[in-house]
């Protein structure tokens, strides 16, 4: 219960902050949705130390789509960032899975 209340407070504070910085309109709702997804990912990551592909991959695609619509001149930098982030997530997952694997010495 306490975790849910904390997340709700963080989401509310983030919503107020975004509304003061951005103002209103469609970008406000897009930013608020992104903020809520990132808070969700932070909580999932805190509990499991892994981020689910079901949430992260569509988030990458949505970010690139948004960049293509709002800032097409910066799309190349965002693609490089998405590839770098994907490689980081992949390498982190491999490291966690390797660390969780039982060690057997002397087995062939």
C-alpha atoms as a PDB file:
ATOM      1  CA  UNK A   1       0.000   0.000   0.000  1.00  0.00           C
ATOM      2  CA  UNK A   2       2.794   2.401   0.901  1.00  0.00           C
ATOM      3  CA  UNK A   3       4.575   1.746  -2.426  1.00  0.00           C
ATOM      4  CA  UNK A   4       1.382   2.443  -4.382  1.00  0.00           C
ATOM      5  CA  UNK A   5       0.833   5.699  -2.513  1.00  0.00           C
ATOM      6  CA  UNK A   6       4.424   6.758  -3.173  1.00  0.00           C
ATOM      7  CA  UNK A   7       4.092   6.010  -6.881  1.00  0.00           C
ATOM      8  CA  UNK A   8       0.832   7.933  -7.049  1.00  0.00           C
ATOM      9  CA  UNK A   9       2.484  10.940  -5.396  1.00  0.00           C
ATOM     10  CA  UNK A  10       5.427  10.783  -7.793  1.00  0.00           C
ATOM     11  CA  UNK A  11       3.094  10.533 -10.790  1.00  0.00           C
ATOM     12  CA  UNK A  12       1.010  13.469  -9.546  1.00  0.00           C
ATOM     13  CA  UNK A  13       4.066  15.630  -8.921  1.00  0.00           C
ATOM     14  CA  UNK A  14       5.467  14.755 -12.347  1.00  0.00           C
ATOM     15  CA  UNK A  15       2.138  15.655 -13.978  1.00  0.00           C
ATOM     16  CA  UNK A  16       2.068  19.058 -12.310  1.00  0.00           C
ATOM     17  CA  UNK A  17       5.670  19.726 -13.262  1.00  0.00           C
ATOM     18  CA  UNK A  18       5.081  18.744 -16.908  1.00  0.00           C
ATOM     19  CA  UNK A  19       2.006  20.963 -17.111  1.00  0.00           C
ATOM     20  CA  UNK A  20       4.002  23.985 -15.889  1.00  0.00           C
ATOM     21  CA  UNK A  21       6.909  23.377 -18.261  1.00  0.00           C
ATOM     22  CA  UNK A  22       5.025  22.367 -21.414  1.00  0.00           C
ATOM     23  CA  UNK A  23       1.712  24.134 -20.963  1.00  0.00           C
ATOM     24  CA  UNK A  24      -1.118  22.230 -22.584  1.00  0.00           C
ATOM     25  CA  UNK A  25      -2.090  20.398 -25.719  1.00  0.00           C
ATOM     26  CA  UNK A  26      -1.146  17.074 -27.229  1.00  0.00           C
ATOM     27  CA  UNK A  27       2.485  17.230 -26.158  1.00  0.00           C
ATOM     28  CA  UNK A  28       1.326  17.454 -22.526  1.00  0.00           C
ATOM     29  CA  UNK A  29      -0.583  14.186 -22.788  1.00  0.00           C
ATOM     30  CA  UNK A  30       2.262  12.503 -24.641  1.00  0.00           C
ATOM     31  CA  UNK A  31       4.738  13.626 -21.978  1.00  0.00           C
ATOM     32  CA  UNK A  32       2.430  12.545 -19.153  1.00  0.00           C
ATOM     33  CA  UNK A  33       1.984   9.095 -20.714  1.00  0.00           C
ATOM     34  CA  UNK A  34       5.735   8.738 -21.150  1.00  0.00           C
ATOM     35  CA  UNK A  35       6.289   9.785 -17.547  1.00  0.00           C
ATOM     36  CA  UNK A  36       3.830   7.205 -16.254  1.00  0.00           C
ATOM     37  CA  UNK A  37       5.437   4.445 -18.333  1.00  0.00           C
ATOM     38  CA  UNK A  38       8.884   5.418 -17.038  1.00  0.00           C
ATOM     39  CA  UNK A  39       7.628   5.377 -13.441  1.00  0.00           C
ATOM     40  CA  UNK A  40       6.147   1.930 -14.100  1.00  0.00           C
ATOM     41  CA  UNK A  41       9.452   0.724 -15.559  1.00  0.00           C
ATOM     42  CA  UNK A  42      11.358   2.124 -12.591  1.00  0.00           C
ATOM     43  CA  UNK A  43       9.148   0.214 -10.167  1.00  0.00           C
ATOM     44  CA  UNK A  44       9.380  -3.009 -12.168  1.00  0.00           C
ATOM     45  CA  UNK A  45      13.154  -2.598 -12.389  1.00  0.00           C
ATOM     46  CA  UNK A  46      13.387  -1.946  -8.653  1.00  0.00           C
ATOM     47  CA  UNK A  47      11.486  -5.128  -7.861  1.00  0.00           C
ATOM     48  CA  UNK A  48      12.899  -7.528 -10.461  1.00  0.00           C
ATOM     49  CA  UNK A  49      16.153  -5.933 -11.707  1.00  0.00           C
ATOM     50  CA  UNK A  50      14.924  -6.666 -15.268  1.00  0.00           C
ATOM     51  CA  UNK A  51      12.806  -4.598 -17.641  1.00  0.00           C
ATOM     52  CA  UNK A  52      10.115  -6.451 -19.626  1.00  0.00           C
ATOM     53  CA  UNK A  53      10.455  -6.427 -23.407  1.00  0.00           C
ATOM     54  CA  UNK A  54       6.692  -5.962 -23.731  1.00  0.00           C
ATOM     55  CA  UNK A  55       7.078  -2.416 -22.394  1.00  0.00           C
ATOM     56  CA  UNK A  56      10.581  -1.406 -23.499  1.00  0.00           C
ATOM     57  CA  UNK A  57      10.412  -2.288 -27.211  1.00  0.00           C
ATOM     58  CA  UNK A  58       7.179  -0.384 -27.935  1.00  0.00           C
ATOM     59  CA  UNK A  59       8.624   2.527 -25.945  1.00  0.00           C
ATOM     60  CA  UNK A  60      11.641   2.602 -28.262  1.00  0.00           C
ATOM     61  CA  UNK A  61       9.390   2.575 -31.334  1.00  0.00           C
ATOM     62  CA  UNK A  62       7.117   5.281 -29.889  1.00  0.00           C
ATOM     63  CA  UNK A  63      10.113   7.468 -29.101  1.00  0.00           C
ATOM     64  CA  UNK A  64      11.467   7.176 -32.634  1.00  0.00           C
ATOM     65  CA  UNK A  65       8.024   7.866 -34.100  1.00  0.00           C
ATOM     66  CA  UNK A  66       7.628  10.951 -31.937  1.00  0.00           C
ATOM     67  CA  UNK A  67      11.072  12.191 -32.955  1.00  0.00           C
ATOM     68  CA  UNK A  68      10.246  11.604 -36.627  1.00  0.00           C
ATOM     69  CA  UNK A  69       7.091  13.735 -36.301  1.00  0.00           C
ATOM     70  CA  UNK A  70       8.345  16.506 -33.981  1.00  0.00           C
ATOM     71  CA  UNK A  71      12.084  16.728 -34.749  1.00  0.00           C
ATOM     72  CA  UNK A  72      12.888  14.996 -38.061  1.00  0.00           C
ATOM     73  CA  UNK A  73      16.277  16.718 -38.279  1.00  0.00           C
ATOM     74  CA  UNK A  74      17.409  14.917 -35.088  1.00  0.00           C
ATOM     75  CA  UNK A  75      16.159  11.448 -36.043  1.00  0.00           C
ATOM     76  CA  UNK A  76      19.655  10.105 -36.791  1.00  0.00           C
ATOM     77  CA  UNK A  77      20.915  10.961 -33.288  1.00  0.00           C
ATOM     78  CA  UNK A  78      17.852   9.351 -31.736  1.00  0.00           C
ATOM     79  CA  UNK A  79      18.336   6.166 -33.781  1.00  0.00           C
ATOM     80  CA  UNK A  80      21.937   5.954 -32.540  1.00  0.00           C
ATOM     81  CA  UNK A  81      20.654   6.463 -28.979  1.00  0.00           C
ATOM     82  CA  UNK A  82      18.017   3.755 -29.396  1.00  0.00           C
ATOM     83  CA  UNK A  83      20.575   1.275 -30.727  1.00  0.00           C
ATOM     84  CA  UNK A  84      22.977   2.100 -27.898  1.00  0.00           C
ATOM     85  CA  UNK A  85      20.208   1.721 -25.317  1.00  0.00           C
ATOM     86  CA  UNK A  86      19.094  -1.585 -26.837  1.00  0.00           C
ATOM     87  CA  UNK A  87      22.648  -2.930 -26.686  1.00  0.00           C
ATOM     88  CA  UNK A  88      22.947  -1.800 -23.074  1.00  0.00           C
ATOM     89  CA  UNK A  89      19.708  -3.542 -22.100  1.00  0.00           C
ATOM     90  CA  UNK A  90      20.749  -6.688 -23.959  1.00  0.00           C
ATOM     91  CA  UNK A  91      24.166  -6.745 -22.305  1.00  0.00           C
ATOM     92  CA  UNK A  92      22.671  -6.090 -18.870  1.00  0.00           C
ATOM     93  CA  UNK A  93      20.238  -8.975 -19.308  1.00  0.00           C
ATOM     94  CA  UNK A  94      23.044 -11.304 -20.404  1.00  0.00           C
ATOM     95  CA  UNK A  95      25.094 -10.268 -17.376  1.00  0.00           C
ATOM     96  CA  UNK A  96      22.216 -10.859 -14.959  1.00  0.00           C
ATOM     97  CA  UNK A  97      21.447 -14.246 -16.484  1.00  0.00           C
ATOM     98  CA  UNK A  98      25.131 -15.187 -16.405  1.00  0.00           C
ATOM     99  CA  UNK A  99      25.429 -14.139 -12.758  1.00  0.00           C
ATOM    100  CA  UNK A 100      22.357 -16.202 -11.830  1.00  0.00           C
ATOM    101  CA  UNK A 101      23.682 -19.336 -13.528  1.00  0.00           C
ATOM    102  CA  UNK A 102      25.114 -21.899 -11.091  1.00  0.00           C
ATOM    103  CA  UNK A 103      28.874 -22.358 -11.365  1.00  0.00           C
ATOM    104  CA  UNK A 104      30.229 -25.855 -11.875  1.00  0.00           C
ATOM    105  CA  UNK A 105      33.953 -26.289 -11.901  1.00  0.00           C
ATOM    106  CA  UNK A 106      35.637 -29.233 -13.544  1.00  0.00           C
ATOM    107  CA  UNK A 107      32.744 -30.091 -15.842  1.00  0.00           C
ATOM    108  CA  UNK A 108      34.125 -30.425 -19.214  1.00  0.00           C
END
